[in-house]
Amino acid sequence: MFLWRKQKDVEKLVLRHLECVDTTLEMFRRALIAYLKDLDVATAAKMAFETHHAEGVADDVRRQVETELLSGALLHHSRRELFEVIEGVDRLANSAEAGVDYLLFQKPEIPEEIRGTLVAIVEETAKVFVDVKRLVTDLFHDLSSVHEDSQRIEQGEGEIDKLERAAIKALFKLDLELARKLQVNGFIERLVELSDRAEDLSDRIDIMAMERRM
């Protein structure tokens, strides 16, 4: 009975952390849309601040989960799995934070020719995280749906890869200084890191679910 109660407590914290990361990624999305689509650096800076704040709240919740797990909540195997899950989700928030930092510290001048493609990457990334939320929730409540969730994330990451390649190809065809191209390319790399990490997390959770069903 004690372990079951502790499991429910940890589950609530993990899902609360997930919501905090969701807020972080929404602020990240708004910052990028302001910068790339609206050309509004002031709003982008404000949303970047909100991204940092939300990431800090997510960190606080993550530490609560880790404290619960280190105190002996759950069996050893389950503790290890949940450490992996919460660290994987937290890396998404870290990637968002790094992305807005790169944008606002370096202020890359994004060529008009690729802005639309980068906005599409931002929007596709938001869709991928919707599937990440469903995936983590299903790990607790519906193991039979985990593989399907994981497949959707993989497909979304594949679409983002296509957009990334198109943006980089278009970028290096432009008549721009190499330094500017490299700066913009660095931003694109940070932009797609989020979906890469989401795919890594989905692969690991897919394996966890298969092991639980065995």
Protein backbone atom coordinates (compact mmCIF):
# COMPACT_ATOMS: atom_id res chain seq x y z
CA MET A 1 0.00 0.00 0.00
CA PHE A 2 2.86 2.37 0.86
CA LEU A 3 4.63 1.76 -2.47
CA TRP A 4 1.40 2.22 -4.41
CA ARG A 5 0.78 5.56 -2.69
CA LYS A 6 4.35 6.67 -3.37
CA GLN A 7 3.99 5.62 -6.99
CA LYS A 8 0.92 7.83 -7.40
CA ASP A 9 2.76 10.75 -5.77
CA VAL A 10 5.71 10.35 -8.13
CA GLU A 11 3.40 9.98 -11.13
CA LYS A 12 1.67 13.27 -10.28
CA LEU A 13 5.04 15.02 -10.02
CA VAL A 14 6.26 13.58 -13.33
CA LEU A 15 3.10 14.78 -15.09
CA ARG A 16 3.37 18.17 -13.38
CA HIS A 17 6.94 18.44 -14.66
CA LEU A 18 5.66 17.56 -18.13
CA GLU A 19 3.19 20.46 -17.96
CA CYS A 20 5.97 22.83 -16.87
CA VAL A 21 8.08 21.77 -19.84
CA ASP A 22 5.02 22.25 -22.05
CA THR A 23 4.83 25.86 -20.84
CA THR A 24 8.56 26.29 -21.52
CA LEU A 25 8.17 25.07 -25.09
CA GLU A 26 5.14 27.28 -25.70
CA MET A 27 7.13 30.34 -24.60
CA PHE A 28 9.97 29.16 -26.84
CA ARG A 29 7.53 28.86 -29.76
CA ARG A 30 6.17 32.35 -29.16
CA ALA A 31 9.70 33.80 -28.96
CA LEU A 32 10.66 32.26 -32.28
CA ILE A 33 7.44 33.23 -34.05
CA ALA A 34 7.94 36.82 -32.86
CA TYR A 35 11.54 36.85 -34.14
CA LEU A 36 11.12 34.92 -37.39
CA LYS A 37 7.62 35.80 -38.55
CA ASP A 38 6.70 39.10 -36.90
CA LEU A 39 10.26 40.51 -36.85
CA ASP A 40 9.49 41.74 -33.33
CA VAL A 41 12.71 41.48 -31.34
CA ALA A 42 11.22 43.12 -28.22
CA THR A 43 8.44 40.53 -27.95
CA ALA A 44 10.92 37.76 -28.73
CA ALA A 45 13.09 38.97 -25.82
CA LYS A 46 10.07 39.03 -23.50
CA MET A 47 9.10 35.49 -24.51
CA ALA A 48 12.71 34.38 -24.07
CA PHE A 49 12.56 35.64 -20.47
CA GLU A 50 9.32 33.67 -20.00
CA THR A 51 11.05 30.60 -21.46
CA HIS A 52 13.80 30.88 -18.86
CA HIS A 53 11.29 31.37 -16.06
CA ALA A 54 9.22 28.35 -17.10
CA GLU A 55 12.37 26.23 -17.44
CA GLY A 56 13.34 27.22 -13.89
CA VAL A 57 9.94 26.10 -12.58
CA ALA A 58 10.35 22.81 -14.47
CA ASP A 59 13.76 22.34 -12.83
CA ASP A 60 12.23 22.82 -9.39
CA VAL A 61 9.63 20.11 -10.07
CA ARG A 62 12.27 17.81 -11.55
CA ARG A 63 14.28 18.09 -8.34
CA GLN A 64 11.15 17.19 -6.34
CA VAL A 65 10.75 14.04 -8.43
CA GLU A 66 14.40 13.13 -7.98
CA THR A 67 14.16 13.67 -4.22
CA GLU A 68 11.16 11.34 -4.06
CA LEU A 69 12.96 8.69 -6.08
CA LEU A 70 16.19 8.96 -4.09
CA SER A 71 14.20 8.62 -0.85
CA GLY A 72 13.27 5.09 -1.89
CA ALA A 73 9.95 5.62 -3.63
CA LEU A 74 9.25 2.73 -6.03
CA LEU A 75 11.33 -0.34 -6.73
CA HIS A 76 14.86 0.05 -8.05
CA HIS A 77 14.02 -0.82 -11.67
CA SER A 78 11.10 1.64 -11.77
CA ARG A 79 13.20 4.38 -10.17
CA ARG A 80 15.84 4.00 -12.87
CA GLU A 81 13.22 4.21 -15.61
CA LEU A 82 11.62 7.33 -14.19
CA PHE A 83 14.99 9.02 -13.78
CA GLU A 84 15.53 8.45 -17.49
CA VAL A 85 12.08 9.74 -18.42
CA ILE A 86 12.27 12.93 -16.39
CA GLU A 87 15.81 13.67 -17.55
CA GLY A 88 14.73 13.09 -21.15
CA VAL A 89 11.78 15.45 -20.83
CA ASP A 90 13.95 18.02 -19.07
CA ARG A 91 16.43 18.00 -21.96
CA LEU A 92 13.65 19.35 -24.17
CA ALA A 93 13.28 22.39 -21.92
CA ASN A 94 17.06 22.82 -21.89
CA SER A 95 17.11 22.76 -25.70
CA ALA A 96 14.42 25.43 -25.83
CA GLU A 97 16.38 27.59 -23.43
CA ALA A 98 19.56 27.18 -25.49
CA GLY A 99 17.65 28.04 -28.66
CA VAL A 100 16.29 31.37 -27.39
CA ASP A 101 19.70 32.22 -25.90
CA TYR A 102 21.39 31.71 -29.26
CA LEU A 103 18.74 33.80 -30.96
CA LEU A 104 18.88 36.76 -28.61
CA PHE A 105 22.58 36.78 -27.77
CA GLN A 106 23.76 36.47 -31.37
CA LYS A 107 20.70 38.01 -33.10
CA PRO A 108 21.30 36.20 -36.41
CA GLU A 109 19.85 37.99 -39.42
CA ILE A 110 17.60 35.30 -40.89
CA PRO A 111 17.29 35.56 -44.69
CA GLU A 112 13.74 36.12 -45.84
CA GLU A 113 14.07 33.16 -48.22
CA ILE A 114 14.17 30.62 -45.37
CA ARG A 115 12.06 32.28 -42.68
CA GLY A 116 8.92 30.41 -43.71
CA THR A 117 10.73 27.07 -43.51
CA LEU A 118 12.05 27.85 -40.04
CA VAL A 119 8.58 28.88 -38.87
CA ALA A 120 7.32 25.53 -40.19
CA ILE A 121 10.02 23.76 -38.13
CA VAL A 122 8.87 25.64 -35.02
CA GLU A 123 5.24 24.65 -35.58
CA GLU A 124 6.10 21.01 -36.35
CA THR A 125 8.20 20.88 -33.18
CA ALA A 126 5.17 22.02 -31.16
CA LYS A 127 3.16 19.16 -32.68
CA VAL A 128 5.90 16.68 -31.75
CA PHE A 129 5.71 17.74 -28.12
CA VAL A 130 1.95 17.12 -28.10
CA ASP A 131 2.84 13.52 -28.95
CA VAL A 132 5.57 13.49 -26.28
CA LYS A 133 2.98 14.47 -23.66
CA ARG A 134 0.69 11.70 -24.83
CA LEU A 135 3.60 9.23 -24.83
CA VAL A 136 4.66 9.95 -21.23
CA THR A 137 1.05 9.84 -20.00
CA ASP A 138 0.46 6.53 -21.79
CA LEU A 139 3.56 5.08 -20.12
CA PHE A 140 1.60 5.33 -16.87
CA HIS A 141 -1.90 4.59 -18.11
CA ASP A 142 -1.97 2.85 -21.50
CA LEU A 143 1.11 0.85 -22.45
CA SER A 144 -0.64 -0.51 -25.53
CA SER A 145 -0.60 2.98 -27.09
CA VAL A 146 3.07 3.77 -26.43
CA HIS A 147 4.43 2.30 -29.66
CA GLU A 148 1.91 4.25 -31.75
CA ASP A 149 2.83 7.45 -29.88
CA SER A 150 6.50 6.75 -30.54
CA GLN A 151 5.86 6.21 -34.24
CA ARG A 152 4.11 9.58 -34.51
CA ILE A 153 7.07 11.29 -32.87
CA GLU A 154 9.45 9.55 -35.28
CA GLN A 155 7.34 10.68 -38.24
CA GLY A 156 7.25 14.25 -36.93
CA GLU A 157 11.00 14.26 -36.44
CA GLY A 158 11.38 12.98 -40.02
CA GLU A 159 9.30 15.88 -41.34
CA ILE A 160 11.46 18.32 -39.38
CA ASP A 161 14.59 16.71 -40.84
CA LYS A 162 13.23 17.36 -44.34
CA LEU A 163 12.54 20.98 -43.50
CA GLU A 164 16.00 21.33 -41.98
CA ARG A 165 17.67 19.99 -45.12
CA ALA A 166 15.58 22.30 -47.31
CA ALA A 167 16.48 25.32 -45.19
CA ILE A 168 20.20 24.56 -45.16
CA LYS A 169 20.25 23.86 -48.89
CA ALA A 170 18.49 27.17 -49.60
CA LEU A 171 20.72 29.03 -47.14
CA PHE A 172 24.00 27.98 -48.73
CA LYS A 173 22.73 28.85 -52.21
CA LEU A 174 22.22 32.47 -51.17
CA ASP A 175 24.75 35.15 -52.00
CA LEU A 176 25.74 35.90 -48.41
CA GLU A 177 28.96 36.08 -46.44
CA LEU A 178 30.07 32.67 -45.20
CA ALA A 179 30.16 33.92 -41.60
CA ARG A 180 26.49 34.90 -41.76
CA LYS A 181 25.56 31.54 -43.32
CA LEU A 182 27.39 29.70 -40.56
CA GLN A 183 25.71 31.77 -37.86
CA VAL A 184 22.25 31.05 -39.29
CA ASN A 185 23.17 27.38 -39.73
CA GLY A 186 24.13 27.25 -36.05
CA PHE A 187 20.70 28.55 -35.14
CA ILE A 188 19.01 25.92 -37.35
CA GLU A 189 21.01 23.20 -35.58
CA ARG A 190 19.73 24.39 -32.21
CA LEU A 191 16.21 24.67 -33.54
CA VAL A 192 16.04 21.02 -34.63
CA GLU A 193 17.80 19.71 -31.51
CA LEU A 194 14.45 19.68 -29.72
CA SER A 195 12.87 17.15 -32.08
CA ASP A 196 16.05 15.04 -32.05
CA ARG A 197 15.86 14.79 -28.27
CA ALA A 198 12.14 14.05 -28.44
CA GLU A 199 12.87 11.13 -30.74
CA ASP A 200 15.59 9.82 -28.39
CA LEU A 201 13.11 9.94 -25.50
CA SER A 202 10.38 8.21 -27.49
CA ASP A 203 12.75 5.40 -28.48
CA ARG A 204 13.68 4.81 -24.84
CA ILE A 205 10.08 4.88 -23.60
CA ASP A 206 9.06 2.50 -26.38
CA ILE A 207 11.66 0.02 -25.10
CA MET A 208 10.47 0.51 -21.50
CA ALA A 209 6.91 -0.26 -22.52
CA MET A 210 7.95 -3.41 -24.38
CA GLU A 211 9.93 -4.61 -21.36
CA ARG A 212 6.94 -4.03 -19.08
CA ARG A 213 4.66 -6.03 -21.34
CA MET A 214 7.00 -9.02 -21.42
